[in-house]
Amino acid sequence: MGIDFKAKLTEQQGTYKQLVSNIDQLLTAKVRLEGAMEVTQSYIKECDENCCKDEKKKK
C-alpha cells in the first residue's frame, strides 16, 4: 500500500510540474503577443499618419 501511495504522489507531482510549465509557457506567449500587438498598432498608426499626409498632398 505504501508503494502505491508513493507512485500516486510521484504521478501527481509530475502533473503539477507539467501544469506549472504550461502556465509559464502561456504567460511567455501572452507577453510576446502583447509585444507584437504594440508593434502592429505602431505600424498601423504610422501608416494612417502617412496615408493622411499623402491624401493632403493629393488635394
C-alpha atoms as a PDB file:
ATOM      1  CA  MET A   1       0.000   0.000   0.000  1.00  0.00           C
ATOM      2  CA  GLY A   2       2.877   2.376   0.739  1.00  0.00           C
ATOM      3  CA  ILE A   3       4.381   1.887  -2.722  1.00  0.00           C
ATOM      4  CA  ASP A   4       1.034   2.630  -4.416  1.00  0.00           C
ATOM      5  CA  PHE A   5       0.713   5.861  -2.429  1.00  0.00           C
ATOM      6  CA  LYS A   6       4.243   6.895  -3.347  1.00  0.00           C
ATOM      7  CA  ALA A   7       3.592   6.142  -7.035  1.00  0.00           C
ATOM      8  CA  LYS A   8       0.390   8.229  -6.957  1.00  0.00           C
ATOM      9  CA  LEU A   9       2.207  11.089  -5.232  1.00  0.00           C
ATOM     10  CA  THR A  10       5.010  10.984  -7.804  1.00  0.00           C
ATOM     11  CA  GLU A  11       2.428  10.983 -10.606  1.00  0.00           C
ATOM     12  CA  GLN A  12       0.624  13.981  -9.090  1.00  0.00           C
ATOM     13  CA  GLN A  13       3.899  15.856  -8.653  1.00  0.00           C
ATOM     14  CA  GLY A  14       4.690  15.244 -12.316  1.00  0.00           C
ATOM     15  CA  THR A  15       1.240  16.521 -13.298  1.00  0.00           C
ATOM     16  CA  TYR A  16       1.729  19.609 -11.117  1.00  0.00           C
ATOM     17  CA  LYS A  17       5.143  20.324 -12.644  1.00  0.00           C
ATOM     18  CA  GLN A  18       3.644  19.975 -16.138  1.00  0.00           C
ATOM     19  CA  LEU A  19       0.852  22.411 -15.238  1.00  0.00           C
ATOM     20  CA  VAL A  20       3.365  24.922 -13.900  1.00  0.00           C
ATOM     21  CA  SER A  21       5.403  24.543 -17.089  1.00  0.00           C
ATOM     22  CA  ASN A  22       2.283  25.029 -19.235  1.00  0.00           C
ATOM     23  CA  ILE A  23       1.306  28.153 -17.293  1.00  0.00           C
ATOM     24  CA  ASP A  24       4.827  29.529 -17.713  1.00  0.00           C
ATOM     25  CA  GLN A  25       4.672  28.901 -21.465  1.00  0.00           C
ATOM     26  CA  LEU A  26       1.262  30.586 -21.698  1.00  0.00           C
ATOM     27  CA  LEU A  27       2.489  33.642 -19.803  1.00  0.00           C
ATOM     28  CA  THR A  28       5.525  33.866 -22.078  1.00  0.00           C
ATOM     29  CA  ALA A  29       3.270  33.619 -25.136  1.00  0.00           C
ATOM     30  CA  LYS A  30       0.991  36.315 -23.673  1.00  0.00           C
ATOM     31  CA  VAL A  31       3.915  38.711 -23.214  1.00  0.00           C
ATOM     32  CA  ARG A  32       5.139  38.046 -26.765  1.00  0.00           C
ATOM     33  CA  LEU A  33       1.637  38.546 -28.161  1.00  0.00           C
ATOM     34  CA  GLU A  34       1.221  41.816 -26.279  1.00  0.00           C
ATOM     35  CA  GLY A  35       4.559  42.994 -27.674  1.00  0.00           C
ATOM     36  CA  ALA A  36       3.557  42.012 -31.192  1.00  0.00           C
ATOM     37  CA  MET A  37       0.245  43.831 -30.778  1.00  0.00           C
ATOM     38  CA  GLU A  38       2.055  47.007 -29.693  1.00  0.00           C
ATOM     39  CA  VAL A  39       4.351  46.839 -32.718  1.00  0.00           C
ATOM     40  CA  THR A  40       1.410  46.182 -35.039  1.00  0.00           C
ATOM     41  CA  GLN A  41      -0.559  49.102 -33.610  1.00  0.00           C
ATOM     42  CA  SER A  42       2.511  51.297 -34.008  1.00  0.00           C
ATOM     43  CA  TYR A  43       2.774  50.311 -37.685  1.00  0.00           C
ATOM     44  CA  ILE A  44      -0.948  50.926 -38.197  1.00  0.00           C
ATOM     45  CA  LYS A  45      -0.677  54.370 -36.612  1.00  0.00           C
ATOM     46  CA  GLU A  46       2.356  55.189 -38.757  1.00  0.00           C
ATOM     47  CA  CYS A  47       0.566  54.006 -41.909  1.00  0.00           C
ATOM     48  CA  ASP A  48      -2.529  56.037 -41.023  1.00  0.00           C
ATOM     49  CA  GLU A  49      -0.409  59.143 -40.482  1.00  0.00           C
ATOM     50  CA  ASN A  50       1.448  58.639 -43.770  1.00  0.00           C
ATOM     51  CA  CYS A  51      -1.794  57.929 -45.603  1.00  0.00           C
ATOM     52  CA  CYS A  52      -3.276  61.178 -44.288  1.00  0.00           C
ATOM     53  CA  LYS A  53      -0.182  63.078 -45.436  1.00  0.00           C
ATOM     54  CA  ASP A  54      -0.492  61.523 -48.899  1.00  0.00           C
ATOM     55  CA  GLU A  55      -4.194  62.401 -49.072  1.00  0.00           C
ATOM     56  CA  LYS A  56      -3.467  66.024 -48.133  1.00  0.00           C
ATOM     57  CA  LYS A  57      -0.754  66.230 -50.808  1.00  0.00           C
ATOM     58  CA  LYS A  58      -3.207  64.989 -53.448  1.00  0.00           C
ATOM     59  CA  LYS A  59      -5.730  67.720 -52.579  1.00  0.00           C
END
